[in-house]
Amino acid sequence: NFKAHMNQFDYVIVKSDWHYRRLTGDLEFFPCFAFSRLTSGILPNATLLALRTVNYPGSVVGLPYSAVNRARSHYKGYWDEIGIFAAIEMRYDWKASEQNRVFDTCNCV
């Protein structure tokens, strides 16, 4: 079965906006919601690396609050639709790290 096959790997790399949105359930989250926390149930034994271009509104997580605010103010709110930003996110053992929290940074609204 595919799940058993994938669980044997220590590292998994996911590339493209479409695959990234599948990881996050294609749901809208706060941009600073912790990527590690959100994907904790997907291939839990592997280190997960996601590479993608941000070009679909509301579908990015794990960003610092200050970066989101700068992008929103500079691009008039369309920063997550124009495809000029990329995201590289890595999930490792979040239970043993400081990422064992809901948000990566405080004051996310």
Protein backbone atom coordinates (compact mmCIF):
# COMPACT_ATOMS: atom_id res chain seq x y z
CA ASN A 1 0.00 0.00 0.00
CA PHE A 2 1.17 3.54 -0.75
CA LYS A 3 1.07 4.82 2.82
CA ALA A 4 3.24 1.96 4.09
CA HIS A 5 5.64 2.51 1.20
CA MET A 6 5.99 6.26 1.94
CA ASN A 7 6.41 5.70 5.69
CA GLN A 8 9.68 3.86 5.10
CA PHE A 9 11.45 7.06 4.01
CA ASP A 10 13.32 9.41 6.33
CA TYR A 11 12.97 12.43 4.01
CA VAL A 12 10.18 13.45 1.63
CA ILE A 13 10.35 16.43 -0.73
CA VAL A 14 7.10 17.88 -2.07
CA LYS A 15 7.35 20.30 -4.98
CA SER A 16 4.73 22.58 -6.59
CA ASP A 17 1.84 24.70 -5.45
CA TRP A 18 -0.69 21.94 -6.12
CA HIS A 19 1.09 19.36 -3.95
CA TYR A 20 1.64 21.94 -1.20
CA ARG A 21 -2.07 22.72 -1.18
CA ARG A 22 -2.80 19.01 -0.86
CA LEU A 23 -0.55 18.92 2.23
CA THR A 24 -2.50 21.75 3.83
CA GLY A 25 -5.89 20.38 2.78
CA ASP A 26 -6.32 23.30 0.35
CA LEU A 27 -7.83 25.21 3.25
CA GLU A 28 -7.28 28.82 4.24
CA PHE A 29 -5.16 29.34 7.35
CA PHE A 30 -3.43 32.32 8.90
CA PRO A 31 -0.14 32.68 6.98
CA CYS A 32 1.82 32.36 10.23
CA PHE A 33 0.13 29.12 11.33
CA ALA A 34 2.91 26.58 12.00
CA PHE A 35 3.64 24.37 8.97
CA SER A 36 5.08 21.69 11.26
CA ARG A 37 1.96 21.58 13.37
CA LEU A 38 -0.41 21.57 10.39
CA THR A 39 1.36 18.67 8.66
CA SER A 40 2.16 16.64 11.78
CA GLY A 41 -0.19 13.80 10.82
CA ILE A 42 1.13 13.44 7.27
CA LEU A 43 4.07 11.03 6.99
CA PRO A 44 4.84 11.53 10.68
CA ASN A 45 8.11 9.57 10.60
CA ALA A 46 9.72 11.60 7.82
CA THR A 47 11.35 14.99 7.60
CA LEU A 48 9.15 16.87 5.14
CA LEU A 49 10.41 19.58 2.79
CA ALA A 50 7.90 21.58 0.72
CA LEU A 51 8.93 23.83 -2.19
CA ARG A 52 6.39 26.02 -3.93
CA THR A 53 5.55 29.31 -5.59
CA VAL A 54 2.94 31.31 -3.69
CA ASN A 55 0.27 32.00 -6.29
CA TYR A 56 -3.00 30.92 -4.74
CA PRO A 57 -4.64 33.19 -2.14
CA GLY A 58 -4.86 31.96 1.43
CA SER A 59 -2.93 28.76 0.90
CA VAL A 60 0.40 29.49 2.57
CA VAL A 61 1.36 28.77 6.18
CA GLY A 62 4.47 28.99 8.33
CA LEU A 63 5.53 32.52 7.40
CA PRO A 64 6.80 35.11 9.87
CA TYR A 65 4.18 37.70 10.69
CA SER A 66 6.50 40.58 9.79
CA ALA A 67 7.12 39.17 6.30
CA VAL A 68 3.39 38.79 5.66
CA ASN A 69 2.74 42.38 6.75
CA ARG A 70 5.53 43.74 4.50
CA ALA A 71 4.25 41.77 1.51
CA ARG A 72 0.64 42.83 2.11
CA SER A 73 1.54 46.52 2.36
CA HIS A 74 3.90 46.53 -0.63
CA TYR A 75 1.64 44.55 -2.98
CA LYS A 76 -1.71 45.99 -1.84
CA GLY A 77 -2.99 42.71 -0.43
CA TYR A 78 -2.38 40.62 -3.57
CA TRP A 79 0.99 39.24 -2.48
CA ASP A 80 -0.26 35.63 -2.33
CA GLU A 81 -1.79 35.70 -5.84
CA ILE A 82 0.88 37.15 -8.11
CA GLY A 83 3.41 34.29 -8.02
CA ILE A 84 6.55 36.31 -7.31
CA PHE A 85 7.11 34.79 -3.85
CA ALA A 86 8.34 31.29 -3.13
CA ALA A 87 8.15 29.27 0.05
CA ILE A 88 10.55 26.62 1.27
CA GLU A 89 9.26 24.97 4.40
CA MET A 90 10.67 22.11 6.41
CA ARG A 91 8.94 19.99 8.98
CA TYR A 92 10.99 17.99 11.37
CA ASP A 93 10.12 16.52 14.76
CA TRP A 94 7.93 19.42 15.92
CA LYS A 95 7.06 17.71 19.20
CA ALA A 96 10.69 17.87 20.28
CA SER A 97 11.24 21.40 19.03
CA GLU A 98 10.16 24.92 19.80
CA GLN A 99 7.57 24.63 17.03
CA ASN A 100 5.22 22.80 19.39
CA ARG A 101 2.85 25.73 19.33
CA VAL A 102 -0.01 26.82 17.14
CA PHE A 103 1.66 29.85 15.59
CA ASP A 104 5.28 30.25 14.50
CA THR A 105 5.30 33.87 15.63
CA CYS A 106 3.16 35.81 18.06
CA ASN A 107 0.58 38.43 17.17
CA CYS A 108 -0.66 36.70 14.04
CA VAL A 109 -4.05 38.09 13.01
